Structure formats: C-alpha cells, structure tokens
Protein backbone atom coordinates (compact mmCIF):
# COMPACT_ATOMS: atom_id res chain seq x y z
CA MET A 1 -13.46 -239.66 55.83
CA PRO A 2 -16.98 -238.46 56.69
CA TYR A 3 -17.61 -236.39 59.79
CA ARG A 4 -18.51 -238.51 62.83
CA PHE A 5 -20.10 -236.92 65.87
CA ILE A 6 -18.70 -238.08 69.22
CA GLU A 7 -20.49 -237.27 72.43
CA PRO A 8 -18.72 -234.77 74.74
CA GLY A 9 -18.91 -237.29 77.60
CA ILE A 10 -16.84 -239.80 75.62
CA LYS A 11 -14.19 -237.16 74.92
CA ILE A 12 -13.96 -236.33 78.62
CA ALA A 13 -13.71 -240.02 79.54
CA VAL A 14 -10.97 -240.61 76.96
CA VAL A 15 -8.81 -237.76 78.24
CA ARG A 16 -9.33 -238.79 81.86
CA MET A 17 -8.36 -242.42 81.12
CA VAL A 18 -5.30 -241.36 79.10
CA THR A 19 -4.06 -239.26 82.03
CA GLN A 20 -4.48 -242.39 84.18
CA SER A 21 -2.14 -244.29 81.82
CA TYR A 22 -4.71 -246.63 80.25
CA SER A 23 -3.85 -247.88 76.77
CA GLN A 24 -5.71 -246.79 73.66
CA ARG A 25 -6.96 -250.33 73.02
CA PHE A 26 -8.31 -250.69 76.56
CA ILE A 27 -10.05 -247.31 76.35
CA CYS A 28 -11.75 -248.19 73.03
CA GLU A 29 -12.93 -251.57 74.34
CA THR A 30 -14.19 -250.08 77.61
CA LEU A 31 -16.12 -247.23 75.96
CA GLY A 32 -17.28 -249.32 73.00
CA GLU A 33 -16.14 -246.68 70.50
CA PRO A 34 -13.63 -247.11 67.65
CA ILE A 35 -11.48 -244.02 68.28
CA SER A 36 -8.51 -243.26 66.02
CA LYS A 37 -5.06 -242.13 67.09
CA GLN A 38 -5.72 -238.73 65.50
CA PHE A 39 -8.68 -238.16 67.82
CA PHE A 40 -6.59 -239.13 70.84
CA ALA A 41 -3.81 -236.75 69.82
CA ARG A 42 -6.18 -233.87 69.05
CA TRP A 43 -8.10 -234.11 72.32
CA MET A 44 -4.95 -234.42 74.42
CA LYS A 45 -3.37 -231.42 72.69
CA LEU A 46 -6.51 -229.36 73.32
CA TYR A 47 -6.47 -230.41 76.98
CA GLN A 48 -2.77 -229.56 77.39
CA ASN A 49 -3.18 -226.12 75.78
CA THR A 50 -6.48 -225.03 77.33
CA GLN A 51 -7.09 -227.40 80.25
CA ARG A 52 -10.40 -228.20 78.57
CA VAL A 53 -11.64 -231.17 76.66
CA ILE A 54 -14.62 -229.46 75.02
CA ARG A 55 -13.77 -226.24 73.26
CA ASP A 56 -15.77 -223.15 74.26
CA PRO A 57 -18.03 -222.29 71.25
CA ALA A 58 -17.53 -218.57 71.93
CA GLU A 59 -13.89 -218.95 70.91
CA TYR A 60 -14.85 -219.89 67.37
CA ASN A 61 -16.00 -216.29 66.79
CA LYS A 62 -12.54 -215.03 67.76
CA ARG A 63 -10.66 -216.92 65.07
CA GLY A 64 -8.78 -214.92 62.48
CA PRO A 65 -7.09 -211.51 62.79
CA GLY A 66 -8.46 -209.06 65.31
CA LEU A 67 -10.42 -205.93 64.41
CA LEU A 68 -8.36 -202.90 63.44
CA LEU A 69 -10.93 -200.56 64.97
CA THR A 70 -10.83 -200.48 68.74
CA PRO A 71 -14.06 -199.98 70.73
CA ASP A 72 -13.10 -196.30 71.16
CA ASP A 73 -12.56 -195.99 67.40
CA ARG A 74 -15.98 -197.45 66.71
CA VAL A 75 -17.71 -195.09 69.14
CA PHE A 76 -15.88 -192.15 67.56
CA MET A 77 -16.81 -193.20 64.01
CA ILE A 78 -20.50 -193.65 64.83
CA GLU A 79 -20.67 -190.23 66.49
CA LEU A 80 -18.70 -188.62 63.64
CA LEU A 81 -21.08 -190.00 61.01
CA ARG A 82 -24.08 -188.95 63.05
CA LEU A 83 -22.84 -185.35 63.03
CA GLU A 84 -21.36 -185.33 59.50
CA PRO A 85 -22.90 -188.15 57.43
CA GLY A 86 -21.64 -186.73 54.13
CA LEU A 87 -17.90 -187.21 54.78
CA PHE A 88 -15.75 -188.92 52.15
CA LEU A 89 -13.69 -191.95 53.15
CA ASP A 90 -10.40 -190.04 53.05
CA GLU A 91 -11.88 -187.35 55.31
CA MET A 92 -13.07 -190.01 57.76
CA ARG A 93 -9.62 -191.60 57.76
CA GLU A 94 -8.00 -188.24 58.52
CA ARG A 95 -10.42 -187.49 61.36
CA LEU A 96 -9.86 -190.96 62.83
CA TYR A 97 -6.08 -190.52 62.71
CA ASP A 98 -6.27 -187.07 64.32
CA GLN A 99 -8.48 -188.40 67.09
CA ASN A 100 -6.98 -191.80 67.98
CA ASP A 101 -3.76 -192.14 65.92
CA SER A 102 -5.36 -195.05 64.03
CA LEU A 103 -4.20 -195.05 60.40
CA LEU A 104 -6.18 -197.33 58.07
CA SER A 105 -6.26 -197.71 54.32
CA ILE A 106 -9.33 -196.49 52.44
CA THR A 107 -10.26 -200.09 51.56
CA THR A 108 -9.92 -201.30 55.15
CA LEU A 109 -11.93 -198.37 56.50
CA HIS A 110 -14.74 -199.05 54.02
CA ARG A 111 -14.79 -202.74 54.92
CA MET A 112 -14.89 -201.93 58.64
CA LEU A 113 -17.79 -199.53 58.13
CA VAL A 114 -19.87 -202.04 56.17
CA GLU A 115 -19.04 -205.31 57.94
CA HIS A 116 -18.61 -204.25 61.56
CA LEU A 117 -20.46 -200.95 62.00
CA GLU A 118 -23.21 -201.74 59.44
CA VAL A 119 -22.80 -198.28 57.91
CA THR A 120 -23.59 -198.14 54.19
CA LEU A 121 -23.55 -195.44 51.52
CA LYS A 122 -26.97 -194.25 50.34
CA LYS A 123 -28.52 -191.25 48.66
CA ALA A 124 -28.85 -188.41 51.14
CA ASN A 125 -32.29 -187.35 52.25
CA THR A 126 -32.48 -183.54 52.30
CA VAL A 127 -34.14 -182.18 55.44
CA SER A 128 -35.03 -178.50 55.71
CA ILE A 129 -33.51 -176.58 58.59
CA LYS A 130 -36.94 -174.96 59.04
CA LYS A 131 -38.52 -178.30 59.96
CA SER A 132 -40.12 -178.15 63.41
CA LEU A 133 -40.20 -181.37 65.41
CA VAL A 134 -42.55 -179.71 67.90
CA ALA A 135 -45.11 -179.07 65.15
CA LYS A 136 -44.59 -182.56 63.74
CA TYR A 137 -45.22 -184.33 67.05
CA ALA A 138 -48.21 -182.08 67.78
CA TYR A 139 -49.69 -183.21 64.46
CA VAL A 140 -48.91 -186.86 65.26
CA VAL A 141 -50.73 -186.55 68.58
CA GLN A 142 -53.67 -184.83 66.88
CA MET A 143 -54.04 -187.60 64.27
CA MET A 144 -53.26 -190.51 66.58
CA THR A 145 -56.89 -191.48 67.13
CA VAL A 146 -58.27 -190.45 63.73
CA PRO A 147 -59.25 -193.50 61.64
CA ALA A 148 -57.21 -193.73 58.46
CA ASP A 149 -60.32 -194.28 56.35
CA PHE A 150 -61.44 -190.73 57.26
CA LEU A 151 -58.37 -189.24 55.54
CA VAL A 152 -57.91 -188.02 51.98
CA PHE A 153 -54.54 -186.64 50.83
CA THR A 154 -53.98 -184.50 47.76
CA ASP A 155 -51.07 -182.58 46.28
CA GLU A 156 -49.61 -181.73 42.89
CA SER A 157 -46.45 -182.86 41.11
CA SER A 158 -44.94 -181.97 37.75
CA VAL A 159 -44.33 -184.69 35.16
CA CYS A 160 -42.08 -184.25 32.12
CA SER A 161 -40.58 -186.87 29.82
CA LYS A 162 -37.18 -185.09 29.87
CA GLN A 163 -36.99 -185.70 33.62
CA LEU A 164 -38.07 -189.33 33.32
CA LEU A 165 -35.26 -190.66 31.15
CA ARG A 166 -33.62 -193.81 32.40
CA THR A 167 -30.74 -192.81 34.63
CA PHE A 168 -28.36 -195.70 33.88
CA SER A 169 -27.33 -197.33 30.59
CA ARG A 170 -24.89 -200.04 29.53
CA SER A 171 -22.03 -199.93 27.06
CA THR A 172 -18.77 -201.73 26.41
CA LYS A 173 -15.96 -201.00 28.82
CA GLY A 174 -14.21 -197.69 28.15
CA THR A 175 -17.02 -196.18 26.07
CA ALA A 176 -19.75 -193.73 27.04
CA ALA A 177 -23.32 -194.93 27.48
CA ASP A 178 -25.25 -192.42 25.38
CA ARG A 179 -28.99 -191.84 25.39
CA VAL A 180 -31.02 -189.91 22.83
CA LEU A 181 -33.41 -187.14 23.83
CA VAL A 182 -36.28 -187.59 21.38
CA ASP A 183 -38.29 -184.50 22.32
CA GLN A 184 -36.08 -181.48 22.99
CA ASN A 185 -39.05 -179.34 24.00
CA ALA A 186 -41.09 -181.84 25.96
CA LYS A 187 -44.29 -180.50 27.46
CA ARG A 188 -44.56 -180.37 31.24
CA PHE A 189 -47.73 -181.65 32.89
CA THR A 190 -49.04 -181.30 36.42
CA LEU A 191 -50.55 -184.33 38.10
CA ILE A 192 -53.10 -183.67 40.87
CA PRO A 193 -54.39 -186.88 42.44
CA ALA A 194 -56.24 -187.44 45.70
CA ILE A 195 -55.86 -190.75 47.52
CA CYS A 196 -57.65 -192.47 50.37
CA LEU A 197 -57.25 -195.86 51.98
CA ASP A 198 -59.03 -197.47 49.02
CA GLY A 199 -56.91 -195.91 46.28
CA VAL A 200 -57.49 -192.91 44.02
CA VAL A 201 -60.50 -190.74 44.93
CA ALA A 202 -60.09 -188.10 42.22
CA LEU A 203 -57.51 -187.22 39.62
CA THR A 204 -56.74 -184.58 37.03
CA VAL A 205 -53.81 -183.84 34.74
CA THR A 206 -53.22 -180.42 33.21
CA ASP A 207 -50.54 -178.78 31.09
CA GLU A 208 -51.00 -175.46 32.91
CA ASN A 209 -49.04 -174.16 35.88
CA VAL A 210 -51.26 -174.92 38.84
CA LYS A 211 -52.17 -171.81 40.80
CA GLY A 212 -54.71 -171.13 43.52
CA ARG A 213 -57.68 -170.91 41.14
CA ASN A 214 -56.73 -174.18 39.41
CA PHE A 215 -56.47 -176.03 42.69
CA ALA A 216 -59.74 -174.52 43.95
CA HIS A 217 -61.44 -175.66 40.72
CA PHE A 218 -60.12 -179.19 41.26
CA LEU A 219 -61.47 -179.24 44.81
CA LYS A 220 -64.87 -177.75 44.02
CA PHE A 221 -65.80 -179.73 40.94
CA ILE A 222 -63.76 -182.97 41.13
CA LEU A 223 -62.60 -183.90 44.65
CA LEU A 224 -65.08 -182.50 47.18
CA PRO A 225 -68.17 -184.01 45.45
CA ARG A 226 -66.56 -187.42 46.05
CA MET A 227 -65.97 -186.79 49.76
CA ASN A 228 -68.38 -186.96 52.71
CA ALA A 229 -69.31 -184.61 55.53
CA TYR A 230 -67.36 -185.10 58.75
CA PRO A 231 -67.44 -187.46 60.62
CA ALA A 232 -67.57 -190.20 58.00
CA ARG A 233 -65.35 -192.11 55.63
CA ASN A 234 -63.29 -189.79 53.38
CA SER A 235 -64.33 -186.71 55.36
CA ILE A 236 -60.96 -185.16 56.32
CA LEU A 237 -58.86 -183.45 53.65
CA VAL A 238 -55.14 -183.30 54.49
CA LEU A 239 -52.96 -180.76 52.64
CA ASP A 240 -49.47 -179.40 53.01
CA ASN A 241 -49.11 -175.73 53.86
CA ALA A 242 -48.20 -174.52 50.35
CA GLN A 243 -49.49 -171.06 49.52
CA ILE A 244 -52.08 -172.32 47.03
CA HIS A 245 -53.49 -174.66 49.70
CA ALA A 246 -53.51 -172.46 52.79
CA ASN A 247 -55.99 -169.71 51.99
CA GLU A 248 -59.54 -168.70 52.87
CA ARG A 249 -60.99 -169.88 49.54
CA ILE A 250 -59.91 -173.48 50.17
CA ALA A 251 -61.15 -173.38 53.77
CA LYS A 252 -64.56 -172.06 52.64
CA LEU A 253 -64.97 -174.69 49.94
CA CYS A 254 -64.35 -177.45 52.49
CA ALA A 255 -66.59 -175.87 55.13
CA ASP A 256 -69.48 -175.52 52.66
CA VAL A 257 -69.65 -179.30 52.17
CA GLY A 258 -68.82 -180.24 55.76
CA VAL A 259 -65.33 -181.58 55.03
CA ARG A 260 -62.79 -181.05 57.78
CA LEU A 261 -59.53 -179.45 56.63
CA VAL A 262 -56.19 -180.37 58.24
CA TYR A 263 -52.75 -179.04 57.31
CA LEU A 264 -49.53 -181.01 57.60
CA PRO A 265 -46.67 -179.50 59.64
CA PRO A 266 -44.09 -177.64 57.51
CA TYR A 267 -41.44 -179.70 55.72
CA CYS A 268 -42.78 -183.11 56.79
CA PRO A 269 -43.31 -185.06 53.54
CA GLU A 270 -42.85 -188.32 55.44
CA LEU A 271 -46.34 -187.75 56.90
CA ASN A 272 -47.92 -187.44 53.45
CA PRO A 273 -48.47 -190.83 51.74
CA ILE A 274 -49.10 -189.19 48.38
CA GLU A 275 -45.42 -188.22 48.09
CA LEU A 276 -44.48 -191.89 47.74
CA VAL A 277 -47.32 -192.36 45.26
CA PHE A 278 -45.68 -189.71 43.07
CA LEU A 279 -42.36 -191.57 43.26
CA GLN A 280 -44.01 -194.86 42.35
CA VAL A 281 -45.88 -193.31 39.40
CA LYS A 282 -42.73 -191.63 38.06
CA SER A 283 -40.76 -194.84 38.51
CA ASN A 284 -43.35 -196.66 36.41
CA LEU A 285 -43.36 -193.94 33.74
CA ARG A 286 -39.57 -194.03 33.60
CA ARG A 287 -39.54 -197.80 33.22
CA LEU A 288 -42.17 -197.97 30.47
CA GLN A 289 -41.24 -194.66 28.76
CA VAL A 290 -44.90 -194.17 27.83
CA LEU A 291 -44.60 -190.37 27.67
CA VAL A 292 -42.14 -190.74 24.79
CA THR A 293 -44.25 -193.18 22.76
CA SER A 294 -47.82 -192.19 23.67
CA GLN A 295 -49.95 -190.03 21.39
CA ASP A 296 -51.98 -188.93 24.42
CA PRO A 297 -49.62 -188.24 27.35
CA VAL A 298 -52.44 -186.99 29.59
CA TRP A 299 -54.21 -190.33 29.30
CA ALA A 300 -50.89 -192.15 29.84
CA ILE A 301 -50.28 -190.29 33.11
CA GLU A 302 -53.85 -190.79 34.31
CA SER A 303 -53.97 -194.50 33.51
CA THR A 304 -50.57 -195.10 35.10
CA THR A 305 -51.64 -193.31 38.27
CA TYR A 306 -54.87 -195.29 38.57
CA ARG A 307 -52.98 -198.54 38.01
CA VAL A 308 -50.10 -197.77 40.38
CA ALA A 309 -52.04 -196.16 43.26
CA SER A 310 -53.88 -199.37 44.06
CA PRO A 311 -55.75 -199.93 47.34
CA ARG A 312 -52.94 -202.27 48.43
CA LEU A 313 -50.26 -199.63 47.92
CA CYS A 314 -52.31 -196.87 49.57
CA GLN A 315 -53.02 -199.02 52.61
CA LYS A 316 -49.33 -199.78 53.03
CA LEU A 317 -48.38 -196.11 52.57
CA PHE A 318 -50.92 -194.95 55.15
CA HIS A 319 -49.60 -197.56 57.57
CA HIS A 320 -46.00 -196.61 56.76
CA ALA A 321 -46.74 -192.93 57.50
CA GLY A 322 -48.06 -193.88 60.94
CA TYR A 323 -51.80 -193.42 60.56
CA ASP A 324 -54.40 -195.47 62.42
CA CYS A 325 -55.09 -198.15 59.82
CA PRO A 326 -57.31 -201.22 60.33
CA GLU A 327 -55.48 -204.48 60.99
CA SER A 328 -56.51 -205.81 57.60
CA SER A 329 -54.29 -203.22 55.89
CA GLY A 330 -51.24 -205.42 56.52
CA ASP A 331 -47.74 -204.68 57.72
CA GLN A 332 -45.27 -202.02 56.61
CA ASP A 333 -43.27 -204.30 54.31
CA MET A 334 -43.10 -202.49 50.96
CA SER A 335 -40.32 -204.55 49.37
CA GLU A 336 -42.63 -205.41 46.45
CA PHE A 337 -42.77 -201.73 45.45
CA TYR A 338 -39.91 -199.69 43.99
CA PHE A 339 -39.56 -195.98 44.71
CA CYS A 340 -37.17 -193.64 42.92
CA GLU A 341 -37.00 -189.96 42.07
C-alpha cells in the first residue's frame, strides 16, 4: 500500500473522538477521511505510551543502540589526539580504559572515531620544533596589505626518476606487486622555477647541485630581468631563509634592479605557494613517467612545469596561502588539483 500523508490535525481529532467513545465509522464520516483500523490502533498506542499524538521528530535521531562513548569519553579522546595524534588504536583503547574504565574493541573504537568524532587517519605533516609562530604572524601582518600581483616566489627542488616511481601497484591476492627499476643510476636534476600570480615567470633545470653561485646566476640572468622595480607588478621577490638565499650577494643583485627582497619566516612552507607547485609537478611526472621514457629529461621537466603551473593554479595557491589576491582569482577550492609527494 502506498504511503498516504494524513494531516496532524486529523490525527489529533481521531484520538480525541476515540477517547470520547465515538465509533470508527462515525469518526470517518465526520472527518471525511477513509481511515483504516491499523491507523486507529497505531495512533492510540502512541498516545497511550507517550501522551502525544504527533511524535517528536527529535526522537527519530535517538533510535537504535546508544553511543558507547560517553560525553566525558569523547572529550578525553579529542584532547588525547590533540596531544598525541600518532597513537595506534590499541594504544588509544588502553588510554581510554585507564582514564574512564571504558573498554571497547578496536573495531568499535575506530568506528566511533570516524562516525561520531569525525577523526580520520591521514599522512602526518611534519612540523619543525624550531618553527616560530611569532615570526610567522609578524610576516602575515607585514604582507597583509601587499597586493599578490607584486609577489614572485622562487625556490629549488630535486627531481629524480627513481623517486617518482608509482607508489602503488596491483596484483592477484596473495602475491607481491613488483615494479621494475629501469635506470639503476638515474640522474638527479634540480628544478628552479619562479612563479607569480600569472604563472611561471622564469625557469631553469640543471643537473648540478645548486649552490650560492648557481642561484645567483639564475637571479641575475634569468629571473630579475623579467621583474620590475618596486612598487610595481612582479616587484617583490620572496625567498625562504636557506643559506644560498640569505646572503649579501642576493640582496645586492635585487637592490641593483630595484626589486624588494622579502624572506619567509623559518619553517613555514605553508606560506610559500611554490611548494605546492613542486608537489603538483612531481605528481604529474609520476603519473606520466616521462622521465623514464623521454630522451631529453630536462625538456620534459621544463614542459611539465610550464603546463602544470598555470595561471589558474597559481592564483588558487596564492589565495590558499593567504595573500591579498584580487576577487577574480576565485575561491580556495583546489579539488580539481591533486598533490602528492
């Protein structure tokens, strides 16, 4: 029988007339509704058990077994995971039992964490103990009113085909998923891009270990000629405080062309959009495996970087890092991009 909606007022009238000893036939004729005996019995039973005719919708959420974690247990678990997020499930169960005498199975504890506390397992983000929040917030205040289109970020990252093998493979159940390392002595390259709000400003790839003189050469002959004197678009160069970046030679090169030099606070990669560009480039190289098949790996890295570090991605990364982007740069939703190490 299909579901038939009956107005709450009719239900109340039916129960009231039944308690006044009216017959079912008289009630149906008076209200003009064909009401079955099952409806009469159900509404009267609800009234006798709850003294209500219309069930409280809030009670529907309480159906089923109660939660095994009490409110005190939940507060304890949240605080425990805030202090020690790397605990295994059996360690959490032991701590919970020692604290509140609540003994749960591993499966139940995992289900409670995911479904009721919204705590999930994810790859840990390593944070240096030397990170200074004071320096970070001072930098944030300093850059709060600086237009994002003034900023240019640059850094270096190593790229090697041995480190860009696909992490997961498939095989039949019970057998190992092997992968073949084609080049045992793969060459390591260093990628040095510079990005602005409109994408890649300058880029070089070298097979040498990048030292101070290499980075200074990149600035003097490749990047700085493409920048403008401050204040103007692409007139502020933002670097981390690595030793090859923080020296008098770099400061002089920037001062000679009128470019303002700003250093990021120590151990704050979340403020540097180019870090996520590196992850996106390496993710693309891992997916396509072009370093394994290409006859010219330098060109493969360069072309991938230019293609990946699009204006759209750079605008979203600048916005995601908290810089003062124009409204046209869009929101922080980066679900269309995939980042991995």
